[in-house]
Amino acid sequence: MSQGRGLGDPVADLLLAGEAATVDGAEELYLDRHLDEVIALVRSDLSDAEFRRHPLIVLLLARGSRGFEDSLT
């Protein structure tokens, strides 16, 4: 949020700003807006462990496995 009133959680900030109606929508919007950064991280020389700890990658990987996890319940 440009006014500095964010919660420090970009997904929650999108929800509170009314830019997304659901957590799923906010996560998708956040990842879409940061696709260039994800690509830069993929191309970077970060170790695998550092790469997987980056908040964008954590979110991306978590979203990628949700369909599978949801199918188990």
C-alpha atoms as a PDB file:
ATOM      1  CA  MET A   1       0.000   0.000   0.000  1.00  0.00           C
ATOM      2  CA  SER A   2       1.474   3.244  -1.045  1.00  0.00           C
ATOM      3  CA  GLN A   3       0.281   5.174   1.995  1.00  0.00           C
ATOM      4  CA  GLY A   4       2.373   3.125   4.416  1.00  0.00           C
ATOM      5  CA  ARG A   5      -0.633   1.733   6.266  1.00  0.00           C
ATOM      6  CA  GLY A   6      -0.155  -1.859   5.215  1.00  0.00           C
ATOM      7  CA  LEU A   7      -0.082  -4.739   7.628  1.00  0.00           C
ATOM      8  CA  GLY A   8       3.191  -6.081   6.287  1.00  0.00           C
ATOM      9  CA  ASP A   9       1.297  -8.948   4.654  1.00  0.00           C
ATOM     10  CA  PRO A  10       0.796  -8.088   0.991  1.00  0.00           C
ATOM     11  CA  VAL A  11      -2.066 -10.564   0.580  1.00  0.00           C
ATOM     12  CA  ALA A  12      -3.960  -9.116   3.542  1.00  0.00           C
ATOM     13  CA  ASP A  13      -3.233  -5.612   2.273  1.00  0.00           C
ATOM     14  CA  LEU A  14      -4.841  -6.450  -1.099  1.00  0.00           C
ATOM     15  CA  LEU A  15      -7.907  -7.811   0.674  1.00  0.00           C
ATOM     16  CA  LEU A  16      -8.233  -4.805   2.956  1.00  0.00           C
ATOM     17  CA  ALA A  17      -7.783  -2.415   0.038  1.00  0.00           C
ATOM     18  CA  GLY A  18     -10.654  -4.121  -1.749  1.00  0.00           C
ATOM     19  CA  GLU A  19      -8.454  -5.161  -4.657  1.00  0.00           C
ATOM     20  CA  ALA A  20      -9.385  -8.819  -4.152  1.00  0.00           C
ATOM     21  CA  ALA A  21     -12.463 -10.464  -2.695  1.00  0.00           C
ATOM     22  CA  THR A  22     -10.846 -13.697  -1.508  1.00  0.00           C
ATOM     23  CA  VAL A  23      -7.506 -14.881  -0.176  1.00  0.00           C
ATOM     24  CA  ASP A  24      -7.080 -16.995  -3.299  1.00  0.00           C
ATOM     25  CA  GLY A  25      -7.738 -13.958  -5.481  1.00  0.00           C
ATOM     26  CA  ALA A  26      -5.356 -11.787  -3.479  1.00  0.00           C
ATOM     27  CA  GLU A  27      -2.581 -14.376  -3.691  1.00  0.00           C
ATOM     28  CA  GLU A  28      -3.078 -14.706  -7.434  1.00  0.00           C
ATOM     29  CA  LEU A  29      -3.070 -10.932  -7.911  1.00  0.00           C
ATOM     30  CA  TYR A  30       0.068 -10.545  -5.783  1.00  0.00           C
ATOM     31  CA  LEU A  31       1.920 -13.234  -7.727  1.00  0.00           C
ATOM     32  CA  ASP A  32       0.784 -11.776 -11.068  1.00  0.00           C
ATOM     33  CA  ARG A  33       2.055  -8.348 -10.069  1.00  0.00           C
ATOM     34  CA  HIS A  34       5.423  -9.783  -9.051  1.00  0.00           C
ATOM     35  CA  LEU A  35       6.012 -12.184 -11.929  1.00  0.00           C
ATOM     36  CA  ASP A  36       9.089 -10.253 -13.071  1.00  0.00           C
ATOM     37  CA  GLU A  37      10.590 -10.661  -9.600  1.00  0.00           C
ATOM     38  CA  VAL A  38       9.840 -14.403  -9.627  1.00  0.00           C
ATOM     39  CA  ILE A  39      11.618 -14.711 -12.969  1.00  0.00           C
ATOM     40  CA  ALA A  40      14.571 -12.734 -11.625  1.00  0.00           C
ATOM     41  CA  LEU A  41      14.751 -15.074  -8.626  1.00  0.00           C
ATOM     42  CA  VAL A  42      14.727 -18.116 -10.912  1.00  0.00           C
ATOM     43  CA  ARG A  43      17.611 -16.621 -12.895  1.00  0.00           C
ATOM     44  CA  SER A  44      19.542 -15.551  -9.806  1.00  0.00           C
ATOM     45  CA  ASP A  45      22.457 -17.400  -8.273  1.00  0.00           C
ATOM     46  CA  LEU A  46      20.625 -18.037  -4.991  1.00  0.00           C
ATOM     47  CA  SER A  47      21.164 -21.463  -3.517  1.00  0.00           C
ATOM     48  CA  ASP A  48      18.185 -23.792  -3.702  1.00  0.00           C
ATOM     49  CA  ALA A  49      17.558 -23.300   0.018  1.00  0.00           C
ATOM     50  CA  GLU A  50      17.677 -19.489  -0.274  1.00  0.00           C
ATOM     51  CA  PHE A  51      15.416 -19.592  -3.326  1.00  0.00           C
ATOM     52  CA  ARG A  52      12.834 -21.763  -1.572  1.00  0.00           C
ATOM     53  CA  ARG A  53      12.827 -19.468   1.497  1.00  0.00           C
ATOM     54  CA  HIS A  54      12.010 -16.319  -0.474  1.00  0.00           C
ATOM     55  CA  PRO A  55       8.432 -15.209   0.391  1.00  0.00           C
ATOM     56  CA  LEU A  56       7.314 -15.071  -3.255  1.00  0.00           C
ATOM     57  CA  ILE A  57       8.571 -18.577  -3.920  1.00  0.00           C
ATOM     58  CA  VAL A  58       7.072 -19.897  -0.672  1.00  0.00           C
ATOM     59  CA  LEU A  59       3.684 -18.526  -1.776  1.00  0.00           C
ATOM     60  CA  LEU A  60       4.075 -19.823  -5.323  1.00  0.00           C
ATOM     61  CA  LEU A  61       4.992 -23.322  -4.160  1.00  0.00           C
ATOM     62  CA  ALA A  62       2.204 -23.373  -1.575  1.00  0.00           C
ATOM     63  CA  ARG A  63      -0.376 -22.411  -4.198  1.00  0.00           C
ATOM     64  CA  GLY A  64       0.949 -25.050  -6.560  1.00  0.00           C
ATOM     65  CA  SER A  65       0.318 -27.850  -4.094  1.00  0.00           C
ATOM     66  CA  ARG A  66      -3.085 -26.718  -2.803  1.00  0.00           C
ATOM     67  CA  GLY A  67      -5.113 -28.564  -5.410  1.00  0.00           C
ATOM     68  CA  PHE A  68      -3.423 -31.789  -4.444  1.00  0.00           C
ATOM     69  CA  GLU A  69      -3.792 -31.121  -0.719  1.00  0.00           C
ATOM     70  CA  ASP A  70      -7.460 -30.188  -1.107  1.00  0.00           C
ATOM     71  CA  SER A  71      -8.115 -33.409  -2.998  1.00  0.00           C
ATOM     72  CA  LEU A  72      -6.953 -35.403   0.036  1.00  0.00           C
ATOM     73  CA  THR A  73      -9.715 -34.101   2.299  1.00  0.00           C
END
